[in-house]
Amino acid sequence: MSEIVGSIWWYLVTIGVLVTFHEFGHFWVARRCGVKVLKFSIGFGKSLWSRTGADGTVYSIGAIPLGGYVSMLDERVEDVPPEQRHLAHNNKSALQKIAIAAAGPGFNFLLAVLAFWLMFSIGKPDHLPVLGRVEGLAAEAGIAPGTQVLAVDGKTTTTWSQVFEAVIEKGMYRRDAALRVREPDGDERTITLTISRLPQDMEDRLLVSKIGLRLQSPAAVGSLTEGAPAVRAGIQTGDTLLAINGQVVADFEDFYQKLQATAAQNPAVSVRIGRSGRELDIAVTAQRVPDQDGTLVFRLGIGPQAIATNTTLRYNPLAALPAAARETWSATIRTLTFLGDMVTGVISPKHLSGPITIARVANAVAKDGLAWFLGFLGLVSVGIAILNLLPIPILDGGHILSYLIESLKGSPLSERVEMVGQYLGLGALACLIGLALFNDVMR
């Protein structure tokens, strides 16, 4: 499956599950409150498929997979026969209306708990947080290859993804990170990464290289670029990289760094490889090409071998439930903090992501297995819930605010006020979506 096709497919799967849960929340609570539901749609626009249920509700799949809606009987929208007025949404109490509006985000939170519970029960394959070659701030702090990260800012880390996510989050805020580590000789100590020294205007894509923490990777050839120097020299996929110009290499990153140093003196290098129990010395001339940040680097046209997972984050089904609840709560706090910091200017709004990024990440995590996809689904579901609870007219949060005002004043807001609110809400939502799409394209 190509990258584009895979991204589209997993985007549709992700959005399909999220929207179905969200709209079913509205649907289910509306029915419990005695409201007649006219239509339940996943997607907008022209209907690709529909059927009418025994309850009279039209179930539909729309052509535009960017959301969904539940249409309810309402006297403000259409003429309602006298015998059905008790089934109209507008005739329900403010408390019932709030429950119906809050049910969508509520079901997204439930979906997040379910997704995380399944992730922990199945087991999420990962890597032990043992570092390979270090550079940047990590090297300056004195971290040695082979060091295991035990905790970040006092929070225990048992997997590489936990370390990476915690440190990158610190990097986004340009805040120092305290790492509790176990060194190769067994000694434990706390090391501070002085991330606050990094420039505020530095692009976030450079954080990984500037911080300098890298997972220990095998010194082996995982891929080859067609027509590259390594291919012409006879290097093959699966070869073990033993040394370059007589210098023994520890892992793939170490090989890359030694290549830069030796090729700078002379691009013609000798690479010792292991193949089928034999050691071979192969002469190859490195090419100087621009890296992703524009700097010129030496390359042979080889990629690292995938790092085999060596640990699994798993709980038994009973223990997985509280763990899933904690994960959902943690994701909620992080998302709210992120939004608050973005509004107040603590971090840049360029971190906001849209459908293109969701599609790409969904495709990437799906390749890592079901547990990784479930974890991603849980995170996005929390994000969707919080987004919908924002007090913006047209979103669930805006409706809840309107119904709260209705309960205080004893009567619904006027149609004029609601109309103005709808236009303002549409404008705000359009700006939000536009910014997210712009960020996606710029990435």
Protein backbone atom coordinates (compact mmCIF):
# COMPACT_ATOMS: atom_id res chain seq x y z
CA MET A 1 0.00 0.00 0.00
CA SER A 2 1.52 3.36 -1.05
CA GLU A 3 2.09 6.15 1.44
CA ILE A 4 -0.73 8.29 0.01
CA VAL A 5 -3.26 5.47 -0.25
CA GLY A 6 -2.33 4.20 3.20
CA SER A 7 -2.69 7.66 4.72
CA ILE A 8 -6.12 8.15 3.13
CA TRP A 9 -7.31 4.72 4.28
CA TRP A 10 -6.17 5.09 7.90
CA TYR A 11 -7.53 8.65 8.02
CA LEU A 12 -10.95 7.33 6.98
CA VAL A 13 -10.72 4.57 9.60
CA THR A 14 -9.69 7.04 12.32
CA ILE A 15 -12.30 9.67 11.51
CA GLY A 16 -14.96 7.02 10.94
CA VAL A 17 -14.50 5.55 14.42
CA LEU A 18 -14.18 8.95 16.15
CA VAL A 19 -17.21 10.50 14.46
CA THR A 20 -19.36 7.40 14.90
CA PHE A 21 -18.72 7.35 18.65
CA HIS A 22 -19.23 11.09 18.95
CA GLU A 23 -22.50 11.23 17.04
CA PHE A 24 -23.79 8.05 18.66
CA GLY A 25 -23.38 9.80 22.01
CA HIS A 26 -25.69 12.59 20.87
CA PHE A 27 -28.08 10.05 19.32
CA TRP A 28 -28.25 7.74 22.32
CA VAL A 29 -28.82 10.46 24.94
CA ALA A 30 -31.32 12.28 22.71
CA ARG A 31 -33.35 9.09 22.44
CA ARG A 32 -33.12 8.59 26.22
CA CYS A 33 -34.46 12.14 26.66
CA GLY A 34 -37.42 11.43 24.40
CA VAL A 35 -36.27 13.42 21.37
CA LYS A 36 -37.14 12.16 17.92
CA VAL A 37 -34.00 11.75 15.79
CA LEU A 38 -34.58 12.45 12.11
CA LYS A 39 -31.14 11.65 10.70
CA PHE A 40 -27.86 10.13 11.89
CA SER A 41 -25.07 10.95 9.41
CA ILE A 42 -21.38 10.08 9.32
CA GLY A 43 -19.86 12.63 6.94
CA PHE A 44 -21.34 15.66 5.22
CA GLY A 45 -22.60 16.44 1.74
CA LYS A 46 -24.13 14.06 -0.76
CA SER A 47 -25.23 10.76 0.74
CA LEU A 48 -23.24 7.76 -0.51
CA TRP A 49 -25.40 5.28 1.40
CA SER A 50 -28.53 5.58 3.49
CA ARG A 51 -31.39 3.58 4.90
CA THR A 52 -34.38 4.30 7.08
CA GLY A 53 -34.63 2.37 10.31
CA ALA A 54 -37.77 1.00 11.92
CA ASP A 55 -37.71 3.99 14.28
CA GLY A 56 -38.00 6.37 11.30
CA THR A 57 -34.41 7.63 11.63
CA VAL A 58 -32.45 7.96 8.38
CA TYR A 59 -28.95 6.51 8.76
CA SER A 60 -26.50 7.92 6.21
CA ILE A 61 -22.84 8.06 5.14
CA GLY A 62 -21.90 11.40 3.54
CA ALA A 63 -19.30 12.04 0.84
CA ILE A 64 -17.17 14.49 2.88
CA PRO A 65 -15.43 12.63 5.75
CA LEU A 66 -14.79 15.63 8.00
CA GLY A 67 -17.39 15.02 10.69
CA GLY A 68 -21.03 14.08 11.09
CA TYR A 69 -24.28 15.19 12.63
CA VAL A 70 -27.49 14.11 14.33
CA SER A 71 -30.60 15.94 13.09
CA MET A 72 -33.41 16.13 15.66
CA LEU A 73 -37.04 17.18 15.47
CA ASP A 74 -37.20 20.91 16.30
CA GLU A 75 -39.99 23.47 15.94
CA ARG A 76 -37.47 26.20 15.15
CA VAL A 77 -36.44 24.34 12.01
CA GLU A 78 -39.67 22.88 10.67
CA ASP A 79 -43.38 22.57 11.32
CA VAL A 80 -44.08 19.92 13.94
CA PRO A 81 -47.51 18.26 14.26
CA PRO A 82 -49.15 18.96 17.65
CA GLU A 83 -49.05 15.28 18.59
CA GLN A 84 -45.22 15.23 18.16
CA ARG A 85 -44.31 18.48 19.92
CA HIS A 86 -43.33 16.58 23.04
CA LEU A 87 -40.68 14.83 20.89
CA ALA A 88 -39.12 18.12 19.69
CA HIS A 89 -35.66 19.07 20.95
CA ASN A 90 -36.65 22.67 21.62
CA ASN A 91 -39.34 21.55 24.08
CA LYS A 92 -36.93 19.68 26.33
CA SER A 93 -35.52 21.16 29.54
CA ALA A 94 -32.20 23.03 29.53
CA LEU A 95 -30.67 20.19 31.56
CA GLN A 96 -31.74 17.61 28.96
CA LYS A 97 -30.36 19.78 26.14
CA ILE A 98 -27.04 20.11 27.99
CA ALA A 99 -26.90 16.32 28.44
CA ILE A 100 -27.53 15.77 24.71
CA ALA A 101 -24.84 18.30 23.71
CA ALA A 102 -22.29 16.95 26.20
CA ALA A 103 -22.88 13.33 25.21
CA GLY A 104 -20.80 13.60 22.01
CA PRO A 105 -17.58 14.68 23.75
CA GLY A 106 -18.43 12.35 26.62
CA PHE A 107 -18.50 9.35 24.29
CA ASN A 108 -15.17 10.47 22.84
CA PHE A 109 -13.67 10.31 26.33
CA LEU A 110 -15.18 6.83 26.74
CA LEU A 111 -13.67 5.83 23.39
CA ALA A 112 -10.27 7.05 24.60
CA VAL A 113 -10.52 4.90 27.75
CA LEU A 114 -11.59 1.91 25.63
CA ALA A 115 -8.76 2.43 23.13
CA PHE A 116 -6.12 2.77 25.85
CA TRP A 117 -7.55 -0.25 27.71
CA LEU A 118 -7.26 -2.36 24.55
CA MET A 119 -3.75 -0.99 23.92
CA PHE A 120 -2.54 -1.95 27.40
CA SER A 121 -4.34 -5.33 27.31
CA ILE A 122 -2.93 -6.30 23.90
CA GLY A 123 0.51 -4.97 24.76
CA LYS A 124 2.33 -2.11 23.05
CA PRO A 125 5.70 -3.26 21.65
CA ASP A 126 8.48 -0.78 22.29
CA HIS A 127 12.19 -0.42 22.98
CA LEU A 128 14.10 -0.23 26.22
CA PRO A 129 15.33 3.36 26.70
CA VAL A 130 19.00 2.49 26.18
CA LEU A 131 20.86 5.21 24.31
CA GLY A 132 23.21 4.84 21.40
CA ARG A 133 25.59 7.56 20.25
CA VAL A 134 24.71 10.91 21.82
CA GLU A 135 25.36 14.42 20.56
CA GLY A 136 24.27 18.00 21.17
CA LEU A 137 23.00 18.79 24.66
CA ALA A 138 23.11 15.14 25.73
CA ALA A 139 26.81 14.89 24.88
CA GLU A 140 27.52 18.17 26.67
CA ALA A 141 25.76 16.79 29.76
CA GLY A 142 28.14 13.84 29.77
CA ILE A 143 25.71 11.08 28.81
CA ALA A 144 27.55 8.05 27.43
CA PRO A 145 26.35 5.51 24.85
CA GLY A 146 24.74 2.51 26.55
CA THR A 147 23.12 4.67 29.24
CA GLN A 148 19.54 3.75 30.22
CA VAL A 149 17.05 6.51 31.03
CA LEU A 150 15.09 5.57 34.17
CA ALA A 151 12.96 8.71 34.64
CA VAL A 152 12.31 12.15 33.17
CA ASP A 153 11.54 14.89 35.71
CA GLY A 154 10.76 12.26 38.33
CA LYS A 155 8.35 10.29 36.14
CA THR A 156 9.45 6.67 35.63
CA THR A 157 10.16 5.69 32.02
CA THR A 158 10.24 2.05 31.01
CA THR A 159 10.14 2.52 27.22
CA TRP A 160 11.89 4.65 24.63
CA SER A 161 8.64 6.28 23.45
CA GLN A 162 7.98 7.56 26.99
CA VAL A 163 11.43 9.15 27.11
CA PHE A 164 11.18 10.60 23.62
CA GLU A 165 7.71 12.12 24.13
CA ALA A 166 8.63 13.63 27.49
CA VAL A 167 11.88 15.18 26.26
CA ILE A 168 10.40 16.50 23.01
CA GLU A 169 7.55 18.11 24.96
CA LYS A 170 10.19 19.83 27.10
CA GLY A 171 11.90 20.87 23.89
CA MET A 172 8.74 22.50 22.51
CA TYR A 173 8.60 24.69 25.63
CA ARG A 174 12.40 25.15 25.74
CA ARG A 175 12.47 23.90 29.33
CA ASP A 176 15.27 21.91 30.98
CA ALA A 177 14.73 18.20 31.59
CA ALA A 178 16.12 16.23 34.53
CA LEU A 179 17.00 12.66 33.53
CA ARG A 180 17.57 9.90 36.05
CA VAL A 181 19.93 7.50 34.27
CA ARG A 182 21.77 4.23 34.83
CA GLU A 183 25.20 4.35 33.23
CA PRO A 184 26.88 1.38 31.53
CA ASP A 185 28.90 0.66 34.70
CA GLY A 186 25.68 0.42 36.76
CA ASP A 187 25.96 3.76 38.55
CA GLU A 188 22.80 5.88 38.75
CA ARG A 189 22.72 9.68 38.70
CA THR A 190 20.58 12.62 37.63
CA ILE A 191 21.61 14.62 34.57
CA THR A 192 20.03 17.88 33.43
CA LEU A 193 19.54 18.60 29.74
CA THR A 194 19.74 22.40 29.44
CA ILE A 195 17.10 22.66 26.72
CA SER A 196 16.34 26.24 27.76
CA ARG A 197 19.57 27.23 25.99
CA LEU A 198 18.08 26.42 22.59
CA PRO A 199 16.89 29.47 20.60
CA GLN A 200 13.16 30.18 20.84
CA ASP A 201 12.95 30.75 17.08
CA MET A 202 14.64 27.46 16.18
CA GLU A 203 12.52 25.12 14.05
CA ASP A 204 11.09 22.24 16.08
CA ARG A 205 12.20 19.69 13.47
CA LEU A 206 15.76 20.32 14.67
CA LEU A 207 14.96 19.47 18.31
CA VAL A 208 15.91 15.80 18.01
CA SER A 209 19.39 16.51 16.66
CA LYS A 210 20.03 19.46 18.99
CA ILE A 211 18.98 17.57 22.13
CA GLY A 212 20.97 14.59 20.89
CA LEU A 213 19.29 11.57 22.50
CA ARG A 214 19.18 8.59 20.17
CA LEU A 215 18.05 5.03 20.65
CA GLN A 216 20.75 2.40 20.41
CA SER A 217 20.54 1.06 16.85
CA PRO A 218 22.19 -1.96 15.23
CA ALA A 219 25.22 -1.26 13.06
CA ALA A 220 23.65 -2.95 10.06
CA VAL A 221 22.47 -1.99 6.58
CA GLY A 222 18.68 -1.89 6.48
CA SER A 223 18.13 -0.21 3.11
CA LEU A 224 20.03 0.98 0.06
CA THR A 225 19.38 3.92 -2.26
CA GLU A 226 19.31 2.86 -5.89
CA GLY A 227 22.45 3.94 -7.75
CA ALA A 228 24.14 5.19 -4.55
CA PRO A 229 27.90 4.71 -3.88
CA ALA A 230 27.25 1.79 -1.50
CA VAL A 231 25.32 -0.11 -4.18
CA ARG A 232 28.03 0.45 -6.78
CA ALA A 233 30.66 -0.71 -4.29
CA GLY A 234 28.82 -3.97 -3.59
CA ILE A 235 27.42 -3.35 -0.10
CA GLN A 236 24.24 -5.36 0.48
CA THR A 237 21.18 -5.14 2.71
CA GLY A 238 21.82 -7.07 5.93
CA ASP A 239 25.57 -6.41 5.99
CA THR A 240 26.95 -5.60 9.45
CA LEU A 241 28.99 -2.40 9.66
CA LEU A 242 32.12 -3.21 11.66
CA ALA A 243 34.54 -0.34 11.03
CA ILE A 244 35.34 2.61 8.79
CA ASN A 245 38.98 3.36 7.94
CA GLY A 246 39.96 1.00 10.76
CA GLN A 247 37.80 2.74 13.39
CA VAL A 248 35.41 0.28 15.09
CA VAL A 249 31.78 1.45 15.12
CA ALA A 250 29.33 0.87 17.98
CA ASP A 251 26.04 1.37 16.18
CA PHE A 252 24.63 2.91 13.01
CA GLU A 253 24.69 6.47 14.36
CA ASP A 254 28.32 6.00 15.39
CA PHE A 255 29.08 4.81 11.85
CA TYR A 256 27.37 7.90 10.40
CA GLN A 257 29.33 10.29 12.62
CA LYS A 258 32.66 8.57 11.86
CA LEU A 259 31.78 8.74 8.14
CA GLN A 260 31.39 12.52 8.39
CA ALA A 261 34.75 12.91 10.13
CA THR A 262 36.74 10.60 7.85
CA ALA A 263 35.11 11.62 4.55
CA ALA A 264 35.82 15.27 5.35
CA GLN A 265 39.52 14.37 5.07
CA ASN A 266 39.07 12.10 2.05
CA PRO A 267 35.72 10.98 0.57
CA ALA A 268 37.26 7.65 -0.47
CA VAL A 269 36.84 5.42 2.59
CA SER A 270 37.23 1.76 3.47
CA VAL A 271 34.24 0.10 5.12
CA ARG A 272 34.69 -3.24 6.88
CA ILE A 273 31.50 -5.30 6.86
CA GLY A 274 30.39 -8.67 8.18
CA ARG A 275 28.54 -10.96 5.77
CA SER A 276 27.70 -14.65 6.21
CA GLY A 277 30.38 -15.11 8.87
CA ARG A 278 33.09 -13.38 6.83
CA GLU A 279 34.67 -9.94 7.15
CA LEU A 280 35.17 -7.88 3.99
CA ASP A 281 36.87 -4.53 3.37
CA ILE A 282 35.01 -2.53 0.71
CA ALA A 283 36.29 0.69 -0.87
CA VAL A 284 33.58 3.28 -1.44
CA THR A 285 33.53 7.01 -2.19
CA ALA A 286 31.06 9.08 -0.21
CA GLN A 287 28.87 11.69 -1.88
CA ARG A 288 28.39 15.15 -0.38
CA VAL A 289 24.69 16.06 -0.44
CA PRO A 290 22.44 18.55 1.38
CA ASP A 291 20.79 17.31 4.60
CA GLN A 292 17.19 18.19 5.60
CA ASP A 293 18.37 21.42 7.25
CA GLY A 294 20.39 22.42 4.17
CA THR A 295 23.85 21.59 5.52
CA LEU A 296 26.12 19.44 3.37
CA VAL A 297 26.81 15.93 4.68
CA PHE A 298 28.55 12.83 3.38
CA ARG A 299 26.38 9.83 2.49
CA LEU A 300 26.91 6.35 1.08
CA GLY A 301 23.23 5.73 0.33
CA ILE A 302 22.55 3.25 3.14
CA GLY A 303 19.80 3.35 5.75
CA PRO A 304 19.75 1.78 9.23
CA GLN A 305 18.18 -1.55 9.97
CA ALA A 306 14.90 -1.35 11.86
CA ILE A 307 15.48 -1.59 15.60
CA ALA A 308 13.85 -4.72 16.94
CA THR A 309 11.45 -4.18 19.81
CA ASN A 310 12.76 -5.61 23.06
CA THR A 311 10.05 -4.73 25.58
CA THR A 312 6.25 -4.56 25.72
CA LEU A 313 4.08 -2.19 27.72
CA ARG A 314 1.28 -4.49 28.89
CA TYR A 315 -1.14 -4.90 31.80
CA ASN A 316 -3.59 -7.66 32.60
CA PRO A 317 -7.17 -6.67 31.61
CA LEU A 318 -8.11 -5.67 35.16
CA ALA A 319 -5.01 -3.53 35.76
CA ALA A 320 -5.34 -2.09 32.25
CA LEU A 321 -8.59 -0.29 33.13
CA PRO A 322 -7.20 2.13 35.75
CA ALA A 323 -4.09 2.53 33.59
CA ALA A 324 -6.35 3.53 30.67
CA ALA A 325 -8.22 6.01 32.87
CA ARG A 326 -4.91 7.56 33.98
CA GLU A 327 -3.72 7.77 30.38
CA THR A 328 -6.95 9.49 29.35
CA TRP A 329 -6.67 11.96 32.23
CA SER A 330 -3.02 12.65 31.40
CA ALA A 331 -3.86 13.21 27.70
CA THR A 332 -6.68 15.56 28.72
CA ILE A 333 -4.43 17.68 30.95
CA ARG A 334 -1.68 17.83 28.31
CA THR A 335 -4.16 18.87 25.60
CA LEU A 336 -5.76 21.57 27.77
CA THR A 337 -2.33 22.88 28.76
CA PHE A 338 -1.24 22.90 25.12
CA LEU A 339 -4.33 24.84 24.01
CA GLY A 340 -4.00 27.31 26.88
CA ASP A 341 -0.32 27.90 26.16
CA MET A 342 -1.02 28.34 22.47
CA VAL A 343 -3.72 30.95 23.15
CA THR A 344 -1.48 32.86 25.58
CA GLY A 345 1.49 32.72 23.22
CA VAL A 346 3.69 30.46 25.34
CA ILE A 347 4.08 28.14 22.34
CA SER A 348 3.53 28.84 18.67
CA PRO A 349 0.17 28.03 16.98
CA LYS A 350 2.20 26.30 14.26
CA HIS A 351 1.99 23.18 16.45
CA LEU A 352 -1.72 22.88 15.65
CA SER A 353 -2.31 19.93 13.32
CA GLY A 354 -5.06 19.22 10.81
CA PRO A 355 -6.38 16.31 8.73
CA ILE A 356 -3.22 15.88 6.63
CA THR A 357 -1.05 15.34 9.71
CA ILE A 358 -3.66 13.05 11.25
CA ALA A 359 -3.66 10.96 8.06
CA ARG A 360 0.13 10.70 7.90
CA VAL A 361 0.53 9.82 11.59
CA ALA A 362 -2.36 7.33 11.47
CA ASN A 363 -0.66 5.54 8.58
CA ALA A 364 2.72 5.56 10.35
CA VAL A 365 1.45 4.16 13.66
CA ALA A 366 -0.71 1.57 11.91
CA LYS A 367 2.50 0.12 10.45
CA ASP A 368 3.77 -0.38 14.02
CA GLY A 369 0.79 -2.55 14.94
CA LEU A 370 -2.70 -2.46 16.38
CA ALA A 371 -1.63 -1.36 19.87
CA TRP A 372 0.16 1.72 18.51
CA PHE A 373 -2.87 2.63 16.39
CA LEU A 374 -5.17 2.27 19.39
CA GLY A 375 -2.94 4.59 21.41
CA PHE A 376 -3.08 7.16 18.62
CA LEU A 377 -6.85 6.76 18.36
CA GLY A 378 -7.19 7.41 22.10
CA LEU A 379 -5.10 10.60 21.91
CA VAL A 380 -7.03 11.99 18.93
CA SER A 381 -10.34 11.10 20.58
CA VAL A 382 -9.37 13.16 23.64
CA GLY A 383 -8.42 16.03 21.33
CA ILE A 384 -11.76 15.84 19.49
CA ALA A 385 -13.66 15.82 22.80
CA ILE A 386 -11.86 18.89 24.10
CA LEU A 387 -12.16 20.75 20.78
CA ASN A 388 -15.92 20.18 20.77
CA LEU A 389 -16.24 21.43 24.34
CA LEU A 390 -14.73 24.83 23.49
CA PRO A 391 -17.37 27.56 24.08
CA ILE A 392 -17.62 28.40 20.38
CA PRO A 393 -21.08 28.71 18.84
CA ILE A 394 -21.77 25.78 16.45
CA LEU A 395 -19.63 23.43 18.58
CA ASP A 396 -21.05 21.38 21.45
CA GLY A 397 -19.41 23.70 23.97
CA GLY A 398 -21.18 26.65 22.41
CA HIS A 399 -24.53 24.85 22.65
CA ILE A 400 -23.88 23.97 26.29
CA LEU A 401 -23.09 27.63 27.05
CA SER A 402 -26.32 28.67 25.29
CA TYR A 403 -28.38 26.20 27.32
CA LEU A 404 -26.75 27.34 30.57
CA ILE A 405 -27.74 30.92 29.75
CA GLU A 406 -31.25 29.65 28.94
CA SER A 407 -31.50 27.97 32.34
CA LEU A 408 -30.42 31.18 34.09
CA LYS A 409 -32.72 33.55 32.22
CA GLY A 410 -35.64 31.14 32.07
CA SER A 411 -36.10 31.30 28.30
CA PRO A 412 -34.13 30.37 25.14
CA LEU A 413 -31.89 32.90 23.43
CA SER A 414 -33.56 34.83 20.61
CA GLU A 415 -33.22 33.54 17.06
CA ARG A 416 -31.27 36.69 16.14
CA VAL A 417 -28.70 36.14 18.89
CA GLU A 418 -28.38 32.48 17.94
CA MET A 419 -27.96 33.40 14.26
CA VAL A 420 -25.19 35.91 15.04
CA GLY A 421 -23.53 33.31 17.24
CA GLN A 422 -23.68 30.73 14.47
CA TYR A 423 -21.95 33.09 12.03
CA LEU A 424 -19.29 33.98 14.58
CA GLY A 425 -18.78 30.31 15.37
CA LEU A 426 -18.48 29.42 11.69
CA GLY A 427 -15.91 32.16 11.24
CA ALA A 428 -13.86 31.05 14.24
CA LEU A 429 -14.02 27.41 13.15
CA ALA A 430 -13.03 28.30 9.58
CA CYS A 431 -10.00 30.21 10.90
CA LEU A 432 -9.04 27.27 13.14
CA ILE A 433 -9.34 24.75 10.31
CA GLY A 434 -7.49 27.09 7.93
CA LEU A 435 -4.60 27.47 10.36
CA ALA A 436 -4.41 23.70 10.90
CA LEU A 437 -4.39 23.04 7.14
CA PHE A 438 -1.75 25.73 6.60
CA ASN A 439 0.47 24.11 9.24
CA ASP A 440 -0.07 20.71 7.60
CA VAL A 441 1.00 22.01 4.19
CA MET A 442 4.03 23.83 5.60
CA ARG A 443 5.17 20.59 7.24
